[in-house]
């Protein structure tokens, strides 16, 4: 499998305790609808892209890992719970959650898999009513969220102390 010519990427979890840098991403950006990916992300699919081990650097902290099957580890931030990756033991790359990258819009989705688990509403998203932007749909709440935001910014920082989770 080759790398896409998209340049370098950084990313991490929501609280900033775990950060990584990828010199390149693989040519496999996809969504997976299988039930295991749904449970691992708490969503209808996992959007993933591979990063070869040789192109990966952990720049802050390390992910905790849950063994979802005999040969698969699912990485997440132990502080905030952000789902970060799927790792097949002995594989040539780690499949990172595309949403964990600082600039996920730069990574095109090229294919879908796990079609047996695809939610029926996803078959035609164009038919689902659009509710607008968060700022439009939840004007008062959006202001309050911005004022109390604990989320790490979408760029590398030299110094960042994540706030402890409220568990």
N, C-alpha and C. Protein backbone atom coordinates (compact mmCIF):
# COMPACT_ATOMS: atom_id res chain seq x y z
N UNK A 1 0.85 -1.17 0.00
CA UNK A 1 0.00 0.00 0.00
C UNK A 1 0.89 1.24 0.00
N UNK A 2 0.56 2.17 -0.83
CA UNK A 2 1.33 3.40 -0.98
C UNK A 2 0.77 4.50 -0.08
N UNK A 3 1.55 5.58 0.05
CA UNK A 3 1.10 6.76 0.78
C UNK A 3 0.46 7.74 -0.20
N UNK A 4 -0.55 8.48 0.27
CA UNK A 4 -1.13 9.56 -0.51
C UNK A 4 -0.19 10.76 -0.47
N UNK A 5 -0.18 11.54 -1.51
CA UNK A 5 0.66 12.73 -1.56
C UNK A 5 -0.13 13.93 -1.03
N UNK A 6 -0.34 13.95 0.30
CA UNK A 6 -1.13 15.01 0.93
C UNK A 6 -0.32 15.85 1.90
N UNK A 7 0.94 15.52 2.09
CA UNK A 7 1.76 16.25 3.05
C UNK A 7 1.67 15.64 4.44
N UNK A 8 2.14 16.41 5.41
CA UNK A 8 2.20 15.95 6.79
C UNK A 8 0.96 16.39 7.56
N UNK A 9 0.68 15.67 8.64
CA UNK A 9 -0.50 15.92 9.46
C UNK A 9 -0.14 15.80 10.93
N UNK A 10 -0.79 16.60 11.76
CA UNK A 10 -0.73 16.42 13.20
C UNK A 10 -2.15 16.21 13.70
N UNK A 11 -2.26 15.67 14.88
CA UNK A 11 -3.58 15.45 15.44
C UNK A 11 -3.47 15.01 16.89
N UNK A 12 -4.61 14.69 17.46
CA UNK A 12 -4.62 14.23 18.84
C UNK A 12 -6.03 14.13 19.38
N UNK A 13 -6.09 13.95 20.67
CA UNK A 13 -7.37 13.78 21.34
C UNK A 13 -8.01 15.14 21.64
N UNK A 14 -9.21 15.08 22.18
CA UNK A 14 -9.95 16.30 22.47
C UNK A 14 -9.30 17.14 23.57
N UNK A 15 -8.72 16.51 24.58
CA UNK A 15 -8.17 17.28 25.70
C UNK A 15 -6.72 17.69 25.49
N UNK A 16 -6.02 17.09 24.53
CA UNK A 16 -4.63 17.45 24.26
C UNK A 16 -3.61 16.61 25.00
N UNK A 17 -4.04 15.62 25.79
CA UNK A 17 -3.09 14.78 26.52
C UNK A 17 -2.31 13.86 25.59
N UNK A 18 -2.92 13.51 24.44
CA UNK A 18 -2.27 12.65 23.46
C UNK A 18 -2.21 13.40 22.13
N UNK A 19 -1.01 13.51 21.56
CA UNK A 19 -0.80 14.17 20.27
C UNK A 19 0.11 13.29 19.43
N UNK A 20 -0.07 13.35 18.11
CA UNK A 20 0.75 12.57 17.20
C UNK A 20 1.05 13.39 15.95
N UNK A 21 2.06 12.96 15.21
CA UNK A 21 2.42 13.59 13.94
C UNK A 21 2.63 12.49 12.91
N UNK A 22 2.05 12.69 11.72
CA UNK A 22 2.19 11.74 10.63
C UNK A 22 2.91 12.42 9.47
N UNK A 23 4.03 11.86 9.05
CA UNK A 23 4.75 12.40 7.89
C UNK A 23 3.96 12.15 6.61
N UNK A 24 3.11 11.13 6.61
CA UNK A 24 2.29 10.77 5.44
C UNK A 24 1.14 9.90 5.91
N UNK A 25 0.08 9.86 5.11
CA UNK A 25 -1.03 8.94 5.35
C UNK A 25 -1.12 7.97 4.18
N UNK A 26 -1.67 6.79 4.44
CA UNK A 26 -1.77 5.74 3.43
C UNK A 26 -2.89 6.06 2.44
N UNK A 27 -2.94 5.31 1.36
CA UNK A 27 -3.96 5.51 0.35
C UNK A 27 -5.25 4.75 0.67
N UNK A 28 -5.59 4.67 1.95
CA UNK A 28 -6.76 3.91 2.36
C UNK A 28 -7.79 4.68 3.19
N UNK A 29 -7.98 5.99 3.01
CA UNK A 29 -8.98 6.67 3.82
C UNK A 29 -10.38 6.12 3.53
N UNK A 30 -11.07 5.70 4.58
CA UNK A 30 -12.35 5.02 4.37
C UNK A 30 -13.26 5.18 5.59
N UNK A 31 -14.48 4.78 5.41
CA UNK A 31 -15.39 4.63 6.53
C UNK A 31 -15.71 3.15 6.66
N UNK A 32 -15.82 2.69 7.89
CA UNK A 32 -16.18 1.31 8.16
C UNK A 32 -17.44 1.30 9.01
N UNK A 33 -18.43 0.57 8.54
CA UNK A 33 -19.74 0.49 9.20
C UNK A 33 -19.90 -0.77 10.04
N UNK A 34 -18.86 -1.59 10.18
CA UNK A 34 -19.03 -2.84 10.91
C UNK A 34 -19.44 -2.56 12.36
N UNK A 35 -20.07 -3.51 12.97
CA UNK A 35 -20.60 -3.32 14.32
C UNK A 35 -19.48 -3.05 15.33
N UNK A 36 -18.31 -3.66 15.14
CA UNK A 36 -17.22 -3.43 16.08
C UNK A 36 -16.74 -1.98 16.00
N UNK A 37 -16.64 -1.42 14.79
CA UNK A 37 -16.24 -0.01 14.65
C UNK A 37 -17.32 0.91 15.22
N UNK A 38 -18.58 0.55 15.03
CA UNK A 38 -19.66 1.35 15.61
C UNK A 38 -19.54 1.40 17.12
N UNK A 39 -19.33 0.26 17.74
CA UNK A 39 -19.21 0.22 19.20
C UNK A 39 -17.95 0.94 19.68
N UNK A 40 -16.84 0.79 18.95
CA UNK A 40 -15.57 1.40 19.36
C UNK A 40 -15.63 2.92 19.34
N UNK A 41 -16.39 3.48 18.38
CA UNK A 41 -16.47 4.93 18.26
C UNK A 41 -17.73 5.50 18.89
N UNK A 42 -18.69 4.64 19.22
CA UNK A 42 -19.97 5.13 19.72
C UNK A 42 -20.71 5.90 18.65
N UNK A 43 -20.56 5.48 17.41
CA UNK A 43 -21.14 6.20 16.28
C UNK A 43 -21.59 5.21 15.21
N UNK A 44 -22.11 5.70 14.12
CA UNK A 44 -22.62 4.84 13.05
C UNK A 44 -21.52 4.29 12.17
N UNK A 45 -20.32 4.85 12.24
CA UNK A 45 -19.18 4.36 11.47
C UNK A 45 -17.90 4.92 12.05
N UNK A 46 -16.80 4.31 11.64
CA UNK A 46 -15.47 4.84 11.96
C UNK A 46 -14.88 5.36 10.66
N UNK A 47 -14.39 6.58 10.66
CA UNK A 47 -13.68 7.14 9.51
C UNK A 47 -12.19 7.01 9.83
N UNK A 48 -11.46 6.23 9.02
CA UNK A 48 -10.09 5.86 9.34
C UNK A 48 -9.14 6.07 8.17
N UNK A 49 -7.88 6.32 8.51
CA UNK A 49 -6.81 6.36 7.50
C UNK A 49 -5.54 5.82 8.15
N UNK A 50 -4.80 5.03 7.38
CA UNK A 50 -3.59 4.42 7.90
C UNK A 50 -2.40 5.39 7.95
N UNK A 51 -1.57 5.19 8.97
CA UNK A 51 -0.29 5.88 9.07
C UNK A 51 0.75 4.79 9.31
N UNK A 52 1.71 4.67 8.38
CA UNK A 52 2.76 3.67 8.54
C UNK A 52 3.57 3.94 9.79
N UNK A 53 3.99 2.88 10.45
CA UNK A 53 4.77 3.03 11.69
C UNK A 53 5.99 3.92 11.48
N UNK A 54 6.60 3.82 10.30
CA UNK A 54 7.79 4.62 10.01
C UNK A 54 7.47 6.11 9.86
N UNK A 55 6.20 6.45 9.66
CA UNK A 55 5.79 7.84 9.48
C UNK A 55 5.10 8.44 10.70
N UNK A 56 5.06 7.70 11.80
CA UNK A 56 4.32 8.11 12.99
C UNK A 56 5.25 8.49 14.13
N UNK A 57 4.97 9.64 14.74
CA UNK A 57 5.66 10.07 15.96
C UNK A 57 4.60 10.49 16.97
N UNK A 58 4.71 9.97 18.19
CA UNK A 58 3.86 10.43 19.29
C UNK A 58 4.53 11.66 19.86
N UNK A 59 3.87 12.80 19.82
CA UNK A 59 4.50 14.05 20.25
C UNK A 59 4.10 14.47 21.66
N UNK A 60 3.03 13.91 22.19
CA UNK A 60 2.65 14.16 23.59
C UNK A 60 1.84 12.96 24.08
N UNK A 61 2.26 12.38 25.17
CA UNK A 61 1.54 11.27 25.77
C UNK A 61 1.48 10.05 24.88
N UNK A 62 0.71 9.07 25.30
CA UNK A 62 0.46 7.86 24.52
C UNK A 62 -0.98 7.44 24.76
N UNK A 63 -1.54 6.81 23.77
CA UNK A 63 -2.92 6.32 23.88
C UNK A 63 -2.99 5.10 24.79
N UNK A 64 -4.08 4.98 25.51
CA UNK A 64 -4.40 3.73 26.20
C UNK A 64 -4.99 2.82 25.13
N UNK A 65 -5.09 1.54 25.42
CA UNK A 65 -5.57 0.64 24.38
C UNK A 65 -6.50 -0.41 24.96
N UNK A 66 -7.57 -0.69 24.24
CA UNK A 66 -8.51 -1.75 24.57
C UNK A 66 -8.37 -2.83 23.51
N UNK A 67 -8.26 -4.05 23.93
CA UNK A 67 -8.12 -5.19 23.02
C UNK A 67 -9.53 -5.61 22.60
N UNK A 68 -9.98 -5.18 21.41
CA UNK A 68 -11.35 -5.47 20.98
C UNK A 68 -11.51 -6.87 20.40
N UNK A 69 -10.42 -7.50 20.02
CA UNK A 69 -10.42 -8.90 19.60
C UNK A 69 -8.99 -9.40 19.76
N UNK A 70 -8.77 -10.66 19.46
CA UNK A 70 -7.47 -11.27 19.73
C UNK A 70 -6.30 -10.51 19.10
N UNK A 71 -6.49 -9.97 17.90
CA UNK A 71 -5.39 -9.33 17.19
C UNK A 71 -5.57 -7.83 16.97
N UNK A 72 -6.57 -7.24 17.61
CA UNK A 72 -6.88 -5.82 17.35
C UNK A 72 -6.88 -5.01 18.64
N UNK A 73 -6.17 -3.88 18.61
CA UNK A 73 -6.18 -2.92 19.70
C UNK A 73 -6.86 -1.64 19.24
N UNK A 74 -7.67 -1.05 20.09
CA UNK A 74 -8.35 0.21 19.82
C UNK A 74 -7.77 1.26 20.77
N UNK A 75 -7.12 2.28 20.20
CA UNK A 75 -6.48 3.30 21.00
C UNK A 75 -7.42 4.44 21.34
N UNK A 76 -7.27 4.97 22.54
CA UNK A 76 -8.11 6.08 23.00
C UNK A 76 -7.35 6.86 24.06
N UNK A 77 -7.79 8.09 24.32
CA UNK A 77 -7.19 8.89 25.37
C UNK A 77 -7.80 8.47 26.71
N UNK A 78 -6.97 8.09 27.66
CA UNK A 78 -7.46 7.68 28.97
C UNK A 78 -8.02 8.85 29.76
N UNK A 79 -7.66 10.09 29.40
CA UNK A 79 -8.14 11.27 30.12
C UNK A 79 -9.52 11.71 29.62
N UNK A 80 -9.69 11.84 28.30
CA UNK A 80 -10.96 12.39 27.77
C UNK A 80 -11.79 11.37 27.00
N UNK A 81 -11.23 10.21 26.67
CA UNK A 81 -11.99 9.15 26.03
C UNK A 81 -12.02 9.20 24.51
N UNK A 82 -11.35 10.16 23.88
CA UNK A 82 -11.37 10.27 22.42
C UNK A 82 -10.87 8.98 21.77
N UNK A 83 -11.66 8.47 20.83
CA UNK A 83 -11.27 7.30 20.04
C UNK A 83 -10.20 7.74 19.04
N UNK A 84 -9.02 7.11 19.08
CA UNK A 84 -7.90 7.56 18.25
C UNK A 84 -7.51 6.61 17.12
N UNK A 85 -7.56 5.30 17.35
CA UNK A 85 -7.09 4.41 16.29
C UNK A 85 -7.58 2.98 16.42
N UNK A 86 -7.39 2.26 15.33
CA UNK A 86 -7.56 0.82 15.20
C UNK A 86 -6.18 0.28 14.81
N UNK A 87 -5.70 -0.73 15.54
CA UNK A 87 -4.38 -1.29 15.24
C UNK A 87 -4.48 -2.80 15.15
N UNK A 88 -4.15 -3.34 13.98
CA UNK A 88 -4.08 -4.79 13.81
C UNK A 88 -2.67 -5.23 14.18
N UNK A 89 -2.58 -6.16 15.12
CA UNK A 89 -1.28 -6.64 15.60
C UNK A 89 -0.44 -7.17 14.44
N UNK A 90 0.77 -6.65 14.32
CA UNK A 90 1.68 -7.06 13.25
C UNK A 90 1.45 -6.35 11.93
N UNK A 91 0.46 -5.45 11.88
CA UNK A 91 0.17 -4.70 10.66
C UNK A 91 1.24 -3.67 10.35
N UNK A 92 1.25 -3.20 9.10
CA UNK A 92 2.26 -2.24 8.67
C UNK A 92 1.88 -0.80 8.98
N UNK A 93 0.67 -0.59 9.47
CA UNK A 93 0.24 0.77 9.82
C UNK A 93 -0.79 0.72 10.94
N UNK A 94 -1.07 1.90 11.49
CA UNK A 94 -2.14 2.08 12.45
C UNK A 94 -3.21 2.91 11.75
N UNK A 95 -4.46 2.52 11.87
CA UNK A 95 -5.57 3.25 11.23
C UNK A 95 -6.12 4.28 12.21
N UNK A 96 -5.80 5.54 11.96
CA UNK A 96 -6.22 6.63 12.85
C UNK A 96 -7.60 7.15 12.49
N UNK A 97 -8.33 7.60 13.51
CA UNK A 97 -9.61 8.27 13.28
C UNK A 97 -9.34 9.57 12.54
N UNK A 98 -9.98 9.73 11.40
CA UNK A 98 -9.74 10.92 10.58
C UNK A 98 -10.11 12.18 11.36
N UNK A 99 -11.15 12.12 12.17
CA UNK A 99 -11.56 13.27 12.96
C UNK A 99 -10.56 13.68 14.03
N UNK A 100 -9.60 12.81 14.35
CA UNK A 100 -8.58 13.15 15.34
C UNK A 100 -7.47 14.02 14.75
N UNK A 101 -7.41 14.12 13.42
CA UNK A 101 -6.41 14.98 12.79
C UNK A 101 -6.84 16.44 12.91
N UNK A 102 -5.88 17.35 12.99
CA UNK A 102 -6.18 18.78 13.11
C UNK A 102 -6.88 19.33 11.88
N UNK A 103 -6.61 18.75 10.72
CA UNK A 103 -7.22 19.20 9.47
C UNK A 103 -7.85 18.01 8.74
N UNK A 104 -8.91 17.44 9.31
CA UNK A 104 -9.51 16.25 8.70
C UNK A 104 -10.05 16.49 7.29
N UNK A 105 -10.40 17.73 6.98
CA UNK A 105 -10.95 18.06 5.66
C UNK A 105 -9.93 17.83 4.54
N UNK A 106 -8.65 17.72 4.87
CA UNK A 106 -7.61 17.49 3.87
C UNK A 106 -7.51 16.02 3.45
N UNK A 107 -8.20 15.14 4.17
CA UNK A 107 -8.12 13.70 3.90
C UNK A 107 -9.40 13.26 3.20
N UNK A 108 -9.32 12.92 1.91
CA UNK A 108 -10.52 12.51 1.17
C UNK A 108 -10.94 11.08 1.54
N UNK A 109 -12.22 10.81 1.61
CA UNK A 109 -12.69 9.44 1.80
C UNK A 109 -12.68 8.76 0.43
N UNK A 110 -12.03 7.60 0.35
CA UNK A 110 -11.90 6.92 -0.94
C UNK A 110 -12.74 5.66 -1.05
N UNK A 111 -13.11 5.05 0.07
CA UNK A 111 -13.98 3.87 -0.02
C UNK A 111 -14.70 3.61 1.29
N UNK A 112 -15.66 2.66 1.22
CA UNK A 112 -16.47 2.25 2.35
C UNK A 112 -16.31 0.74 2.55
N UNK A 113 -16.42 0.29 3.78
CA UNK A 113 -16.40 -1.14 4.05
C UNK A 113 -17.31 -1.46 5.23
N UNK A 114 -17.47 -2.74 5.51
CA UNK A 114 -18.38 -3.15 6.59
C UNK A 114 -19.82 -2.81 6.25
N UNK A 115 -20.15 -2.93 4.98
CA UNK A 115 -21.46 -2.49 4.48
C UNK A 115 -22.63 -3.18 5.17
N UNK A 116 -22.39 -4.37 5.76
CA UNK A 116 -23.47 -5.09 6.43
C UNK A 116 -24.01 -4.31 7.63
N UNK A 117 -23.22 -3.39 8.18
CA UNK A 117 -23.65 -2.62 9.34
C UNK A 117 -24.10 -1.21 9.02
N UNK A 118 -24.13 -0.85 7.74
CA UNK A 118 -24.46 0.53 7.37
C UNK A 118 -25.90 0.87 7.79
N UNK A 119 -26.05 1.94 8.53
CA UNK A 119 -27.36 2.39 8.99
C UNK A 119 -28.20 2.81 7.78
N UNK A 120 -29.48 2.40 7.71
CA UNK A 120 -30.31 2.72 6.55
C UNK A 120 -30.40 4.22 6.24
N UNK A 121 -30.36 5.07 7.25
CA UNK A 121 -30.46 6.51 7.01
C UNK A 121 -29.25 7.06 6.27
N UNK A 122 -28.13 6.33 6.31
CA UNK A 122 -26.92 6.78 5.63
C UNK A 122 -26.93 6.46 4.14
N UNK A 123 -27.90 5.67 3.72
CA UNK A 123 -27.96 5.30 2.30
C UNK A 123 -28.21 6.52 1.42
N UNK A 124 -28.95 7.51 1.93
CA UNK A 124 -29.20 8.73 1.17
C UNK A 124 -29.21 9.92 2.11
N UNK A 125 -28.05 10.38 2.48
CA UNK A 125 -27.96 11.52 3.39
C UNK A 125 -28.52 12.80 2.79
N UNK A 126 -28.55 12.88 1.48
CA UNK A 126 -29.12 14.07 0.84
C UNK A 126 -30.61 14.22 1.14
N UNK A 127 -31.27 13.12 1.51
CA UNK A 127 -32.70 13.17 1.84
C UNK A 127 -32.95 13.57 3.29
N UNK A 128 -31.90 13.57 4.11
CA UNK A 128 -32.04 13.93 5.52
C UNK A 128 -32.00 15.46 5.64
N UNK A 129 -32.95 15.99 6.38
CA UNK A 129 -33.05 17.44 6.53
C UNK A 129 -31.80 18.03 7.17
N UNK A 130 -31.32 19.14 6.63
CA UNK A 130 -30.19 19.85 7.21
C UNK A 130 -30.70 20.84 8.24
N UNK A 131 -30.01 20.89 9.40
CA UNK A 131 -30.43 21.79 10.47
C UNK A 131 -29.53 23.02 10.56
N UNK A 132 -28.61 23.18 9.63
CA UNK A 132 -27.74 24.34 9.64
C UNK A 132 -26.52 24.15 10.50
N UNK A 133 -25.83 25.24 10.79
CA UNK A 133 -24.62 25.17 11.60
C UNK A 133 -24.98 25.11 13.08
N UNK A 134 -24.06 24.68 13.90
CA UNK A 134 -24.28 24.64 15.34
C UNK A 134 -24.58 26.04 15.86
N UNK A 135 -23.84 27.03 15.35
CA UNK A 135 -24.03 28.40 15.79
C UNK A 135 -25.43 28.91 15.47
N UNK A 136 -25.99 28.48 14.35
CA UNK A 136 -27.35 28.89 13.98
C UNK A 136 -28.40 28.11 14.75
N UNK A 137 -28.21 26.80 14.86
CA UNK A 137 -29.22 25.95 15.48
C UNK A 137 -29.25 26.08 17.00
N UNK A 138 -28.10 26.41 17.60
CA UNK A 138 -28.00 26.47 19.06
C UNK A 138 -27.26 27.74 19.45
N UNK A 139 -27.78 28.89 19.05
CA UNK A 139 -27.08 30.16 19.20
C UNK A 139 -26.62 30.42 20.64
N UNK A 140 -27.51 30.33 21.61
CA UNK A 140 -27.15 30.61 23.01
C UNK A 140 -26.19 29.56 23.56
N UNK A 141 -26.47 28.28 23.26
CA UNK A 141 -25.60 27.21 23.75
C UNK A 141 -24.21 27.30 23.15
N UNK A 142 -24.10 27.68 21.87
CA UNK A 142 -22.80 27.78 21.20
C UNK A 142 -21.91 28.82 21.89
N UNK A 143 -22.48 29.92 22.31
CA UNK A 143 -21.71 30.96 23.01
C UNK A 143 -21.21 30.40 24.34
N UNK A 144 -22.08 29.75 25.09
CA UNK A 144 -21.69 29.18 26.39
C UNK A 144 -20.61 28.11 26.22
N UNK A 145 -20.73 27.31 25.20
CA UNK A 145 -19.74 26.26 24.93
C UNK A 145 -18.38 26.90 24.62
N UNK A 146 -18.37 27.93 23.78
CA UNK A 146 -17.11 28.60 23.45
C UNK A 146 -16.43 29.18 24.68
N UNK A 147 -17.22 29.74 25.59
CA UNK A 147 -16.66 30.37 26.80
C UNK A 147 -16.09 29.35 27.79
N UNK A 148 -16.60 28.12 27.75
CA UNK A 148 -16.15 27.11 28.70
C UNK A 148 -15.40 25.96 28.02
N UNK A 149 -14.95 26.17 26.81
CA UNK A 149 -14.32 25.13 25.99
C UNK A 149 -13.02 24.62 26.61
N UNK A 150 -12.94 23.32 26.85
CA UNK A 150 -11.73 22.67 27.35
C UNK A 150 -10.98 21.94 26.26
N UNK A 151 -11.43 22.05 25.03
CA UNK A 151 -10.86 21.29 23.92
C UNK A 151 -9.52 21.87 23.48
N UNK A 152 -8.57 20.98 23.22
CA UNK A 152 -7.27 21.38 22.70
C UNK A 152 -7.48 22.02 21.33
N UNK A 153 -6.74 23.07 20.99
CA UNK A 153 -6.90 23.69 19.67
C UNK A 153 -6.43 22.77 18.55
N UNK A 154 -6.87 23.01 17.35
CA UNK A 154 -6.51 22.19 16.19
C UNK A 154 -5.15 22.59 15.62
N UNK A 155 -4.14 22.56 16.47
CA UNK A 155 -2.75 22.79 16.05
C UNK A 155 -1.85 22.35 17.19
N UNK A 156 -0.59 22.09 16.87
CA UNK A 156 0.37 21.70 17.90
C UNK A 156 0.62 22.87 18.84
N UNK A 157 0.81 22.56 20.10
CA UNK A 157 1.15 23.56 21.11
C UNK A 157 2.40 23.09 21.85
N UNK A 158 3.25 24.02 22.21
CA UNK A 158 4.47 23.64 22.92
C UNK A 158 4.18 23.31 24.38
N UNK A 159 3.14 23.91 24.92
CA UNK A 159 2.80 23.68 26.32
C UNK A 159 1.29 23.55 26.43
N UNK A 160 0.83 22.48 27.03
CA UNK A 160 -0.61 22.27 27.19
C UNK A 160 -0.81 21.35 28.37
N UNK A 161 -1.63 21.77 29.29
CA UNK A 161 -2.00 20.94 30.41
C UNK A 161 -3.47 20.61 30.29
N UNK A 162 -3.78 19.36 29.96
CA UNK A 162 -5.20 19.01 29.84
C UNK A 162 -5.89 19.08 31.19
N UNK A 163 -7.12 19.52 31.16
CA UNK A 163 -7.91 19.55 32.38
C UNK A 163 -8.34 18.13 32.69
N UNK A 164 -8.38 17.75 33.96
CA UNK A 164 -8.79 16.38 34.29
C UNK A 164 -10.23 16.14 33.90
N UNK A 165 -10.53 14.90 33.54
CA UNK A 165 -11.91 14.53 33.17
C UNK A 165 -12.78 14.62 34.42
N UNK A 166 -14.06 14.80 34.18
CA UNK A 166 -15.03 14.91 35.29
C UNK A 166 -15.67 13.56 35.56
N UNK A 167 -14.89 12.61 35.98
CA UNK A 167 -15.44 11.26 36.21
C UNK A 167 -15.82 11.04 37.64
